[in-house]
PDB file of N, CA and C in Angstrom:
ATOM      1  N   MET A   1      27.706  -0.417 -63.966  1.00  0.00           N
ATOM      2  CA  MET A   1      28.957  -0.954 -64.639  1.00  0.00           C
ATOM      3  C   MET A   1      29.859  -1.331 -63.577  1.00  0.00           C
ATOM      4  N   HIS A   2      30.480  -2.463 -63.659  1.00  0.00           N
ATOM      5  CA  HIS A   2      31.451  -3.066 -62.809  1.00  0.00           C
ATOM      6  C   HIS A   2      32.813  -3.161 -63.620  1.00  0.00           C
ATOM      7  N   ALA A   3      33.813  -3.086 -62.817  1.00  0.00           N
ATOM      8  CA  ALA A   3      35.242  -3.396 -63.382  1.00  0.00           C
ATOM      9  C   ALA A   3      35.233  -4.817 -63.924  1.00  0.00           C
ATOM     10  N   SER A   4      35.859  -4.735 -65.101  1.00  0.00           N
ATOM     11  CA  SER A   4      36.177  -6.042 -65.731  1.00  0.00           C
ATOM     12  C   SER A   4      37.286  -7.129 -64.873  1.00  0.00           C
ATOM     13  N   GLN A   5      37.077  -8.152 -64.964  1.00  0.00           N
ATOM     14  CA  GLN A   5      37.820  -9.108 -64.489  1.00  0.00           C
ATOM     15  C   GLN A   5      38.730  -9.680 -65.518  1.00  0.00           C
ATOM     16  N   PRO A   6      40.284  -9.703 -64.939  1.00  0.00           N
ATOM     17  CA  PRO A   6      41.253  -9.722 -65.729  1.00  0.00           C
ATOM     18  C   PRO A   6      41.344 -11.186 -66.452  1.00  0.00           C
ATOM     19  N   GLU A   7      41.476 -11.337 -67.557  1.00  0.00           N
ATOM     20  CA  GLU A   7      41.572 -12.710 -68.157  1.00  0.00           C
ATOM     21  C   GLU A   7      42.850 -13.644 -67.499  1.00  0.00           C
ATOM     22  N   PRO A   8      42.656 -14.780 -67.325  1.00  0.00           N
ATOM     23  CA  PRO A   8      43.798 -15.440 -66.891  1.00  0.00           C
ATOM     24  C   PRO A   8      44.956 -15.657 -67.714  1.00  0.00           C
ATOM     25  N   THR A   9      44.684 -15.059 -68.899  1.00  0.00           N
ATOM     26  CA  THR A   9      45.878 -15.143 -69.820  1.00  0.00           C
ATOM     27  C   THR A   9      46.825 -13.788 -69.755  1.00  0.00           C
ATOM     28  N   ASP A  10      46.337 -12.640 -69.106  1.00  0.00           N
ATOM     29  CA  ASP A  10      46.807 -11.625 -68.731  1.00  0.00           C
ATOM     30  C   ASP A  10      47.854 -11.772 -67.817  1.00  0.00           C
ATOM     31  N   GLN A  11      49.318 -11.352 -68.185  1.00  0.00           N
ATOM     32  CA  GLN A  11      50.272 -11.522 -67.359  1.00  0.00           C
ATOM     33  C   GLN A  11      50.424 -10.595 -66.467  1.00  0.00           C
ATOM     34  N   LEU A  12      51.237 -10.978 -65.347  1.00  0.00           N
ATOM     35  CA  LEU A  12      51.212 -10.089 -64.118  1.00  0.00           C
ATOM     36  C   LEU A  12      52.807 -10.215 -63.877  1.00  0.00           C
ATOM     37  N   THR A  13      53.434  -9.217 -64.030  1.00  0.00           N
ATOM     38  CA  THR A  13      54.787  -9.319 -63.813  1.00  0.00           C
ATOM     39  C   THR A  13      55.363  -8.890 -62.250  1.00  0.00           C
ATOM     40  N   VAL A  14      56.005  -9.687 -61.568  1.00  0.00           N
ATOM     41  CA  VAL A  14      56.576  -9.193 -60.370  1.00  0.00           C
ATOM     42  C   VAL A  14      57.930  -9.420 -60.290  1.00  0.00           C
ATOM     43  N   GLU A  15      58.538  -8.162 -59.855  1.00  0.00           N
ATOM     44  CA  GLU A  15      60.139  -8.118 -59.741  1.00  0.00           C
ATOM     45  C   GLU A  15      60.519  -8.531 -58.293  1.00  0.00           C
ATOM     46  N   ILE A  16      61.308  -9.553 -58.438  1.00  0.00           N
ATOM     47  CA  ILE A  16      62.076 -10.293 -57.241  1.00  0.00           C
ATOM     48  C   ILE A  16      63.585 -10.086 -57.275  1.00  0.00           C
ATOM     49  N   SER A  17      63.963  -9.922 -56.066  1.00  0.00           N
ATOM     50  CA  SER A  17      65.523  -9.984 -55.923  1.00  0.00           C
ATOM     51  C   SER A  17      66.099 -11.212 -56.516  1.00  0.00           C
ATOM     52  N   ARG A  18      67.216 -11.081 -57.149  1.00  0.00           N
ATOM     53  CA  ARG A  18      67.865 -12.273 -57.824  1.00  0.00           C
ATOM     54  C   ARG A  18      68.276 -13.274 -56.673  1.00  0.00           C
ATOM     55  N   ASP A  19      68.464 -12.571 -55.433  1.00  0.00           N
ATOM     56  CA  ASP A  19      69.042 -13.508 -54.318  1.00  0.00           C
ATOM     57  C   ASP A  19      68.020 -14.607 -53.858  1.00  0.00           C
ATOM     58  N   LEU A  20      66.759 -14.502 -54.340  1.00  0.00           N
ATOM     59  CA  LEU A  20      65.639 -15.473 -54.115  1.00  0.00           C
ATOM     60  C   LEU A  20      65.398 -16.426 -55.168  1.00  0.00           C
ATOM     61  N   GLU A  21      66.286 -16.142 -56.346  1.00  0.00           N
ATOM     62  CA  GLU A  21      65.965 -16.932 -57.580  1.00  0.00           C
ATOM     63  C   GLU A  21      66.004 -18.584 -57.557  1.00  0.00           C
ATOM     64  N   GLY A  22      66.516 -18.933 -56.430  1.00  0.00           N
ATOM     65  CA  GLY A  22      66.892 -20.446 -56.074  1.00  0.00           C
ATOM     66  C   GLY A  22      65.290 -21.064 -55.510  1.00  0.00           C
ATOM     67  N   ILE A  23      64.884 -19.954 -54.795  1.00  0.00           N
ATOM     68  CA  ILE A  23      63.700 -20.448 -53.906  1.00  0.00           C
ATOM     69  C   ILE A  23      62.313 -20.248 -54.311  1.00  0.00           C
ATOM     70  N   VAL A  24      62.263 -19.136 -55.187  1.00  0.00           N
ATOM     71  CA  VAL A  24      61.001 -18.505 -55.606  1.00  0.00           C
ATOM     72  C   VAL A  24      59.971 -19.625 -56.311  1.00  0.00           C
ATOM     73  N   PRO A  25      60.638 -20.324 -56.995  1.00  0.00           N
ATOM     74  CA  PRO A  25      60.077 -21.350 -57.967  1.00  0.00           C
ATOM     75  C   PRO A  25      59.519 -22.456 -57.154  1.00  0.00           C
ATOM     76  N   ILE A  26      60.253 -22.824 -55.806  1.00  0.00           N
ATOM     77  CA  ILE A  26      59.664 -23.608 -55.106  1.00  0.00           C
ATOM     78  C   ILE A  26      58.409 -23.125 -54.318  1.00  0.00           C
ATOM     79  N   PHE A  27      58.651 -21.849 -53.945  1.00  0.00           N
ATOM     80  CA  PHE A  27      57.544 -21.080 -53.277  1.00  0.00           C
ATOM     81  C   PHE A  27      56.172 -21.158 -54.034  1.00  0.00           C
ATOM     82  N   LEU A  28      56.441 -20.893 -55.390  1.00  0.00           N
ATOM     83  CA  LEU A  28      55.132 -20.810 -56.202  1.00  0.00           C
ATOM     84  C   LEU A  28      54.656 -22.139 -56.248  1.00  0.00           C
ATOM     85  N   VAL A  29      55.250 -23.314 -56.722  1.00  0.00           N
ATOM     86  CA  VAL A  29      54.925 -24.514 -56.755  1.00  0.00           C
ATOM     87  C   VAL A  29      54.003 -25.100 -55.573  1.00  0.00           C
ATOM     88  N   ASN A  30      54.581 -24.789 -54.087  1.00  0.00           N
ATOM     89  CA  ASN A  30      53.819 -25.014 -52.914  1.00  0.00           C
ATOM     90  C   ASN A  30      52.522 -24.244 -52.742  1.00  0.00           C
ATOM     91  N   ARG A  31      52.563 -22.971 -53.409  1.00  0.00           N
ATOM     92  CA  ARG A  31      51.305 -22.246 -53.483  1.00  0.00           C
ATOM     93  C   ARG A  31      50.242 -22.977 -54.379  1.00  0.00           C
ATOM     94  N   GLU A  32      50.706 -23.616 -55.140  1.00  0.00           N
ATOM     95  CA  GLU A  32      49.993 -24.222 -56.239  1.00  0.00           C
ATOM     96  C   GLU A  32      49.309 -25.365 -55.575  1.00  0.00           C
ATOM     97  N   LYS A  33      49.998 -26.134 -54.822  1.00  0.00           N
ATOM     98  CA  LYS A  33      49.831 -27.275 -53.930  1.00  0.00           C
ATOM     99  C   LYS A  33      48.611 -26.932 -52.796  1.00  0.00           C
ATOM    100  N   ASP A  34      49.026 -25.619 -52.374  1.00  0.00           N
ATOM    101  CA  ASP A  34      48.124 -25.211 -51.331  1.00  0.00           C
ATOM    102  C   ASP A  34      46.733 -24.725 -51.971  1.00  0.00           C
ATOM    103  N   VAL A  35      46.616 -24.559 -53.083  1.00  0.00           N
ATOM    104  CA  VAL A  35      45.382 -24.199 -53.889  1.00  0.00           C
ATOM    105  C   VAL A  35      44.552 -25.652 -53.658  1.00  0.00           C
ATOM    106  N   ARG A  36      45.146 -26.678 -54.191  1.00  0.00           N
ATOM    107  CA  ARG A  36      44.390 -28.190 -53.995  1.00  0.00           C
ATOM    108  C   ARG A  36      44.047 -28.287 -52.658  1.00  0.00           C
ATOM    109  N   THR A  37      45.052 -28.241 -51.770  1.00  0.00           N
ATOM    110  CA  THR A  37      44.779 -28.556 -50.308  1.00  0.00           C
ATOM    111  C   THR A  37      43.501 -27.598 -49.890  1.00  0.00           C
ATOM    112  N   LEU A  38      43.500 -26.405 -50.061  1.00  0.00           N
ATOM    113  CA  LEU A  38      42.485 -25.439 -49.699  1.00  0.00           C
ATOM    114  C   LEU A  38      41.111 -25.847 -50.230  1.00  0.00           C
ATOM    115  N   ARG A  39      41.142 -26.325 -51.543  1.00  0.00           N
ATOM    116  CA  ARG A  39      39.822 -26.622 -51.966  1.00  0.00           C
ATOM    117  C   ARG A  39      39.221 -27.986 -51.384  1.00  0.00           C
ATOM    118  N   GLU A  40      40.047 -29.043 -51.072  1.00  0.00           N
ATOM    119  CA  GLU A  40      39.821 -30.096 -50.266  1.00  0.00           C
ATOM    120  C   GLU A  40      39.211 -29.902 -48.965  1.00  0.00           C
ATOM    121  N   ALA A  41      40.045 -28.752 -48.272  1.00  0.00           N
ATOM    122  CA  ALA A  41      39.715 -28.393 -46.882  1.00  0.00           C
ATOM    123  C   ALA A  41      38.254 -27.787 -46.933  1.00  0.00           C
ATOM    124  N   LEU A  42      38.028 -26.998 -47.975  1.00  0.00           N
ATOM    125  CA  LEU A  42      36.785 -26.185 -48.071  1.00  0.00           C
ATOM    126  C   LEU A  42      35.609 -27.303 -48.184  1.00  0.00           C
ATOM    127  N   VAL A  43      35.887 -28.238 -48.923  1.00  0.00           N
ATOM    128  CA  VAL A  43      34.852 -29.344 -49.167  1.00  0.00           C
ATOM    129  C   VAL A  43      34.568 -29.965 -47.707  1.00  0.00           C
ATOM    130  N   LYS A  44      35.675 -30.230 -47.038  1.00  0.00           N
ATOM    131  CA  LYS A  44      35.237 -30.802 -45.807  1.00  0.00           C
ATOM    132  C   LYS A  44      35.082 -29.887 -44.614  1.00  0.00           C
ATOM    133  N   GLN A  45      35.036 -28.652 -45.118  1.00  0.00           N
ATOM    134  CA  GLN A  45      34.743 -27.601 -43.968  1.00  0.00           C
ATOM    135  C   GLN A  45      35.676 -27.598 -42.825  1.00  0.00           C
ATOM    136  N   ASP A  46      36.935 -27.841 -43.459  1.00  0.00           N
ATOM    137  CA  ASP A  46      38.229 -27.928 -42.323  1.00  0.00           C
ATOM    138  C   ASP A  46      38.734 -26.539 -42.275  1.00  0.00           C
ATOM    139  N   PHE A  47      38.200 -25.808 -41.826  1.00  0.00           N
ATOM    140  CA  PHE A  47      38.557 -24.283 -41.347  1.00  0.00           C
ATOM    141  C   PHE A  47      39.868 -23.997 -40.633  1.00  0.00           C
ATOM    142  N   ARG A  48      40.313 -25.060 -40.127  1.00  0.00           N
ATOM    143  CA  ARG A  48      41.298 -25.070 -39.349  1.00  0.00           C
ATOM    144  C   ARG A  48      42.755 -24.917 -40.359  1.00  0.00           C
ATOM    145  N   THR A  49      42.615 -25.635 -41.312  1.00  0.00           N
ATOM    146  CA  THR A  49      43.520 -25.911 -42.303  1.00  0.00           C
ATOM    147  C   THR A  49      43.450 -24.611 -43.286  1.00  0.00           C
ATOM    148  N   VAL A  50      42.322 -24.111 -43.684  1.00  0.00           N
ATOM    149  CA  VAL A  50      42.134 -22.924 -44.181  1.00  0.00           C
ATOM    150  C   VAL A  50      42.895 -21.716 -43.537  1.00  0.00           C
ATOM    151  N   GLN A  51      42.634 -21.903 -42.193  1.00  0.00           N
ATOM    152  CA  GLN A  51      43.139 -20.789 -41.324  1.00  0.00           C
ATOM    153  C   GLN A  51      44.784 -20.836 -41.287  1.00  0.00           C
ATOM    154  N   THR A  52      45.398 -21.854 -41.100  1.00  0.00           N
ATOM    155  CA  THR A  52      46.744 -22.259 -41.123  1.00  0.00           C
ATOM    156  C   THR A  52      47.375 -21.751 -42.381  1.00  0.00           C
ATOM    157  N   LEU A  53      46.911 -22.254 -43.524  1.00  0.00           N
ATOM    158  CA  LEU A  53      47.341 -21.727 -44.812  1.00  0.00           C
ATOM    159  C   LEU A  53      47.219 -20.528 -45.020  1.00  0.00           C
ATOM    160  N   GLY A  54      46.178 -19.812 -44.879  1.00  0.00           N
ATOM    161  CA  GLY A  54      46.022 -18.364 -44.918  1.00  0.00           C
ATOM    162  C   GLY A  54      47.043 -17.717 -44.029  1.00  0.00           C
ATOM    163  N   HIS A  55      47.260 -18.068 -42.844  1.00  0.00           N
ATOM    164  CA  HIS A  55      48.275 -17.517 -42.166  1.00  0.00           C
ATOM    165  C   HIS A  55      49.808 -17.504 -42.515  1.00  0.00           C
ATOM    166  N   ARG A  56      49.972 -18.702 -43.026  1.00  0.00           N
ATOM    167  CA  ARG A  56      51.242 -18.925 -43.532  1.00  0.00           C
ATOM    168  C   ARG A  56      51.431 -18.001 -44.914  1.00  0.00           C
ATOM    169  N   MET A  57      50.516 -17.879 -45.494  1.00  0.00           N
ATOM    170  CA  MET A  57      50.566 -17.213 -46.798  1.00  0.00           C
ATOM    171  C   MET A  57      50.809 -15.624 -46.545  1.00  0.00           C
ATOM    172  N   LYS A  58      50.035 -15.205 -45.606  1.00  0.00           N
ATOM    173  CA  LYS A  58      49.798 -13.988 -45.206  1.00  0.00           C
ATOM    174  C   LYS A  58      51.485 -13.646 -44.808  1.00  0.00           C
ATOM    175  N   GLY A  59      52.008 -14.502 -44.078  1.00  0.00           N
ATOM    176  CA  GLY A  59      53.297 -14.138 -43.343  1.00  0.00           C
ATOM    177  C   GLY A  59      54.540 -14.192 -44.453  1.00  0.00           C
ATOM    178  N   ASP A  60      54.373 -15.253 -45.339  1.00  0.00           N
ATOM    179  CA  ASP A  60      55.316 -15.619 -46.214  1.00  0.00           C
ATOM    180  C   ASP A  60      55.319 -14.667 -47.529  1.00  0.00           C
ATOM    181  N   GLY A  61      54.005 -14.418 -48.082  1.00  0.00           N
ATOM    182  CA  GLY A  61      54.054 -13.827 -49.489  1.00  0.00           C
ATOM    183  C   GLY A  61      55.033 -12.629 -49.509  1.00  0.00           C
ATOM    184  N   GLY A  62      54.663 -11.466 -48.807  1.00  0.00           N
ATOM    185  CA  GLY A  62      55.646 -10.533 -48.679  1.00  0.00           C
ATOM    186  C   GLY A  62      57.102 -10.359 -48.712  1.00  0.00           C
ATOM    187  N   GLY A  63      57.622 -11.568 -47.978  1.00  0.00           N
ATOM    188  CA  GLY A  63      58.893 -11.784 -47.906  1.00  0.00           C
ATOM    189  C   GLY A  63      59.463 -12.345 -49.136  1.00  0.00           C
ATOM    190  N   PHE A  64      58.676 -12.944 -49.960  1.00  0.00           N
ATOM    191  CA  PHE A  64      59.158 -13.476 -51.146  1.00  0.00           C
ATOM    192  C   PHE A  64      58.696 -12.417 -52.511  1.00  0.00           C
ATOM    193  N   GLY A  65      58.250 -11.165 -52.179  1.00  0.00           N
ATOM    194  CA  GLY A  65      57.948 -10.270 -53.005  1.00  0.00           C
ATOM    195  C   GLY A  65      56.595 -10.602 -53.680  1.00  0.00           C
ATOM    196  N   PHE A  66      55.668 -11.337 -52.916  1.00  0.00           N
ATOM    197  CA  PHE A  66      54.449 -11.519 -53.419  1.00  0.00           C
ATOM    198  C   PHE A  66      53.222 -10.930 -52.573  1.00  0.00           C
ATOM    199  N   ASP A  67      52.928  -9.518 -52.578  1.00  0.00           N
ATOM    200  CA  ASP A  67      52.443  -8.820 -51.792  1.00  0.00           C
ATOM    201  C   ASP A  67      50.831  -9.341 -51.774  1.00  0.00           C
ATOM    202  N   ARG A  68      50.470  -9.825 -53.225  1.00  0.00           N
ATOM    203  CA  ARG A  68      49.002 -10.375 -53.324  1.00  0.00           C
ATOM    204  C   ARG A  68      48.952 -11.474 -52.604  1.00  0.00           C
ATOM    205  N   ILE A  69      49.843 -12.378 -52.459  1.00  0.00           N
ATOM    206  CA  ILE A  69      49.521 -13.477 -51.766  1.00  0.00           C
ATOM    207  C   ILE A  69      49.429 -13.184 -50.272  1.00  0.00           C
ATOM    208  N   THR A  70      50.097 -12.327 -49.974  1.00  0.00           N
ATOM    209  CA  THR A  70      50.046 -11.894 -48.337  1.00  0.00           C
ATOM    210  C   THR A  70      48.467 -11.420 -48.358  1.00  0.00           C
ATOM    211  N   GLU A  71      47.876 -10.645 -49.205  1.00  0.00           N
ATOM    212  CA  GLU A  71      46.502 -10.108 -49.170  1.00  0.00           C
ATOM    213  C   GLU A  71      45.644 -11.200 -49.176  1.00  0.00           C
ATOM    214  N   ILE A  72      45.714 -12.251 -50.082  1.00  0.00           N
ATOM    215  CA  ILE A  72      44.763 -13.363 -50.047  1.00  0.00           C
ATOM    216  C   ILE A  72      44.808 -14.162 -49.103  1.00  0.00           C
ATOM    217  N   GLY A  73      46.123 -14.338 -48.265  1.00  0.00           N
ATOM    218  CA  GLY A  73      46.196 -15.265 -47.199  1.00  0.00           C
ATOM    219  C   GLY A  73      45.536 -14.623 -46.063  1.00  0.00           C
ATOM    220  N   ALA A  74      45.716 -13.373 -45.952  1.00  0.00           N
ATOM    221  CA  ALA A  74      45.048 -12.561 -44.721  1.00  0.00           C
ATOM    222  C   ALA A  74      43.654 -12.533 -44.699  1.00  0.00           C
ATOM    223  N   VAL A  75      43.227 -12.453 -45.929  1.00  0.00           N
ATOM    224  CA  VAL A  75      41.475 -12.391 -46.202  1.00  0.00           C
ATOM    225  C   VAL A  75      41.158 -14.166 -45.921  1.00  0.00           C
ATOM    226  N   MET A  76      41.775 -14.925 -46.330  1.00  0.00           N
ATOM    227  CA  MET A  76      41.301 -16.281 -46.009  1.00  0.00           C
ATOM    228  C   MET A  76      41.654 -16.638 -44.698  1.00  0.00           C
ATOM    229  N   GLU A  77      42.738 -16.221 -43.947  1.00  0.00           N
ATOM    230  CA  GLU A  77      42.581 -16.662 -42.387  1.00  0.00           C
ATOM    231  C   GLU A  77      41.538 -15.875 -41.823  1.00  0.00           C
ATOM    232  N   ARG A  78      40.994 -14.634 -42.069  1.00  0.00           N
ATOM    233  CA  ARG A  78      39.897 -14.126 -41.320  1.00  0.00           C
ATOM    234  C   ARG A  78      38.630 -14.911 -41.513  1.00  0.00           C
ATOM    235  N   ALA A  79      38.428 -15.218 -42.747  1.00  0.00           N
ATOM    236  CA  ALA A  79      37.471 -15.962 -43.612  1.00  0.00           C
ATOM    237  C   ALA A  79      37.116 -17.290 -42.803  1.00  0.00           C
ATOM    238  N   ALA A  80      38.388 -17.995 -42.534  1.00  0.00           N
ATOM    239  CA  ALA A  80      38.213 -19.167 -41.961  1.00  0.00           C
ATOM    240  C   ALA A  80      37.876 -19.232 -40.538  1.00  0.00           C
ATOM    241  N   LYS A  81      38.281 -17.844 -39.933  1.00  0.00           N
ATOM    242  CA  LYS A  81      37.549 -17.900 -38.434  1.00  0.00           C
ATOM    243  C   LYS A  81      36.316 -17.654 -38.337  1.00  0.00           C
ATOM    244  N   LEU A  82      35.760 -16.886 -39.338  1.00  0.00           N
ATOM    245  CA  LEU A  82      34.344 -16.851 -39.452  1.00  0.00           C
ATOM    246  C   LEU A  82      33.556 -17.844 -40.041  1.00  0.00           C
ATOM    247  N   GLU A  83      34.191 -18.839 -40.604  1.00  0.00           N
ATOM    248  CA  GLU A  83      33.660 -19.807 -41.490  1.00  0.00           C
ATOM    249  C   GLU A  83      32.828 -19.453 -42.698  1.00  0.00           C
ATOM    250  N   ASP A  84      33.415 -18.475 -43.456  1.00  0.00           N
ATOM    251  CA  ASP A  84      32.742 -17.869 -44.587  1.00  0.00           C
ATOM    252  C   ASP A  84      33.159 -18.684 -45.661  1.00  0.00           C
ATOM    253  N   CYS A  85      32.352 -19.763 -46.178  1.00  0.00           N
ATOM    254  CA  CYS A  85      32.744 -20.491 -47.065  1.00  0.00           C
ATOM    255  C   CYS A  85      32.827 -19.700 -48.535  1.00  0.00           C
ATOM    256  N   LEU A  86      31.867 -18.666 -48.882  1.00  0.00           N
ATOM    257  CA  LEU A  86      31.932 -18.147 -49.867  1.00  0.00           C
ATOM    258  C   LEU A  86      33.447 -17.202 -50.244  1.00  0.00           C
ATOM    259  N   THR A  87      33.684 -16.467 -49.091  1.00  0.00           N
ATOM    260  CA  THR A  87      34.833 -15.795 -49.333  1.00  0.00           C
ATOM    261  C   THR A  87      36.000 -16.530 -49.334  1.00  0.00           C
ATOM    262  N   ILE A  88      36.010 -17.568 -48.784  1.00  0.00           N
ATOM    263  CA  ILE A  88      37.438 -18.613 -48.722  1.00  0.00           C
ATOM    264  C   ILE A  88      37.455 -19.088 -50.513  1.00  0.00           C
ATOM    265  N   GLU A  89      36.275 -19.485 -50.775  1.00  0.00           N
ATOM    266  CA  GLU A  89      36.140 -19.841 -52.231  1.00  0.00           C
ATOM    267  C   GLU A  89      36.581 -19.028 -53.291  1.00  0.00           C
ATOM    268  N   GLN A  90      36.085 -17.669 -52.946  1.00  0.00           N
ATOM    269  CA  GLN A  90      36.576 -16.578 -53.834  1.00  0.00           C
ATOM    270  C   GLN A  90      37.881 -16.421 -53.863  1.00  0.00           C
ATOM    271  N   HIS A  91      38.461 -16.477 -52.558  1.00  0.00           N
ATOM    272  CA  HIS A  91      39.933 -16.147 -52.624  1.00  0.00           C
ATOM    273  C   HIS A  91      40.878 -17.308 -52.994  1.00  0.00           C
ATOM    274  N   ILE A  92      40.464 -18.414 -52.991  1.00  0.00           N
ATOM    275  CA  ILE A  92      41.166 -19.626 -53.504  1.00  0.00           C
ATOM    276  C   ILE A  92      41.285 -19.376 -55.114  1.00  0.00           C
ATOM    277  N   ALA A  93      40.200 -18.895 -55.573  1.00  0.00           N
ATOM    278  CA  ALA A  93      39.979 -18.637 -56.966  1.00  0.00           C
ATOM    279  C   ALA A  93      41.105 -17.492 -57.348  1.00  0.00           C
ATOM    280  N   GLN A  94      41.215 -16.457 -56.555  1.00  0.00           N
ATOM    281  CA  GLN A  94      41.874 -15.415 -56.933  1.00  0.00           C
ATOM    282  C   GLN A  94      43.314 -15.868 -56.651  1.00  0.00           C
ATOM    283  N   LEU A  95      43.707 -16.746 -55.716  1.00  0.00           N
ATOM    284  CA  LEU A  95      45.171 -17.372 -55.659  1.00  0.00           C
ATOM    285  C   LEU A  95      45.318 -18.126 -56.971  1.00  0.00           C
ATOM    286  N   GLU A  96      44.403 -18.752 -57.271  1.00  0.00           N
ATOM    287  CA  GLU A  96      44.766 -19.836 -58.379  1.00  0.00           C
ATOM    288  C   GLU A  96      45.056 -18.961 -59.617  1.00  0.00           C
ATOM    289  N   ASN A  97      44.075 -17.846 -59.982  1.00  0.00           N
ATOM    290  CA  ASN A  97      44.172 -16.814 -60.836  1.00  0.00           C
ATOM    291  C   ASN A  97      45.673 -16.082 -61.058  1.00  0.00           C
ATOM    292  N   PHE A  98      46.055 -15.533 -59.915  1.00  0.00           N
ATOM    293  CA  PHE A  98      47.250 -15.191 -59.649  1.00  0.00           C
ATOM    294  C   PHE A  98      48.572 -15.965 -60.033  1.00  0.00           C
ATOM    295  N   LEU A  99      48.292 -16.979 -59.501  1.00  0.00           N
ATOM    296  CA  LEU A  99      49.420 -18.067 -60.031  1.00  0.00           C
ATOM    297  C   LEU A  99      49.627 -18.568 -61.467  1.00  0.00           C
ATOM    298  N   LYS A 100      48.551 -18.313 -61.972  1.00  0.00           N
ATOM    299  CA  LYS A 100      48.368 -18.586 -63.618  1.00  0.00           C
ATOM    300  C   LYS A 100      48.968 -17.491 -64.143  1.00  0.00           C
ATOM    301  N   ARG A 101      48.775 -16.408 -63.997  1.00  0.00           N
ATOM    302  CA  ARG A 101      49.133 -15.140 -64.414  1.00  0.00           C
ATOM    303  C   ARG A 101      50.461 -14.733 -64.105  1.00  0.00           C
ATOM    304  N   VAL A 102      51.138 -14.807 -63.086  1.00  0.00           N
ATOM    305  CA  VAL A 102      52.413 -14.161 -62.323  1.00  0.00           C
ATOM    306  C   VAL A 102      53.498 -14.572 -63.411  1.00  0.00           C
ATOM    307  N   ILE A 103      54.127 -13.820 -63.681  1.00  0.00           N
ATOM    308  CA  ILE A 103      55.654 -13.774 -64.339  1.00  0.00           C
ATOM    309  C   ILE A 103      56.822 -13.297 -63.382  1.00  0.00           C
ATOM    310  N   VAL A 104      57.829 -13.986 -63.172  1.00  0.00           N
ATOM    311  CA  VAL A 104      58.898 -13.402 -62.093  1.00  0.00           C
ATOM    312  C   VAL A 104      59.844 -12.938 -62.988  1.00  0.00           C
ATOM    313  N   VAL A 105      60.231 -11.674 -62.597  1.00  0.00           N
ATOM    314  CA  VAL A 105      61.469 -11.009 -63.212  1.00  0.00           C
ATOM    315  C   VAL A 105      62.566 -10.880 -62.048  1.00  0.00           C
ATOM    316  N   TYR A 106      63.654 -11.488 -62.128  1.00  0.00           N
ATOM    317  CA  TYR A 106      64.816 -11.322 -61.368  1.00  0.00           C
ATOM    318  C   TYR A 106      65.555 -10.161 -61.710  1.00  0.00           C
ATOM    319  N   ARG A 107      65.724  -9.257 -60.473  1.00  0.00           N
ATOM    320  CA  ARG A 107      66.446  -8.157 -60.668  1.00  0.00           C
ATOM    321  C   ARG A 107      67.667  -8.095 -59.637  1.00  0.00           C
TER     322      ARG A 107
END
């Protein structure tokens, strides 16, 4: 028996500092654009782009309060260095799923 995967409709609440309220929506829209860019890069086997975006997400995610984006970015960066298409593909899907589920609450 394996753990069930959460449905994309399951919401995931992340509490963010009210100080970031003006820029978090832009950050999330840019990550949605990254999903498309990552998919295109993977088709072309453009591992440099995947590595760069993974590195950026790894660095920026936690600063915006999204530790999961940091984790996904770190794995993608490593996978790009290894040219591991399967891992990259899986983590693009995880990023997309996270973005669909996340609900931001400002405190």
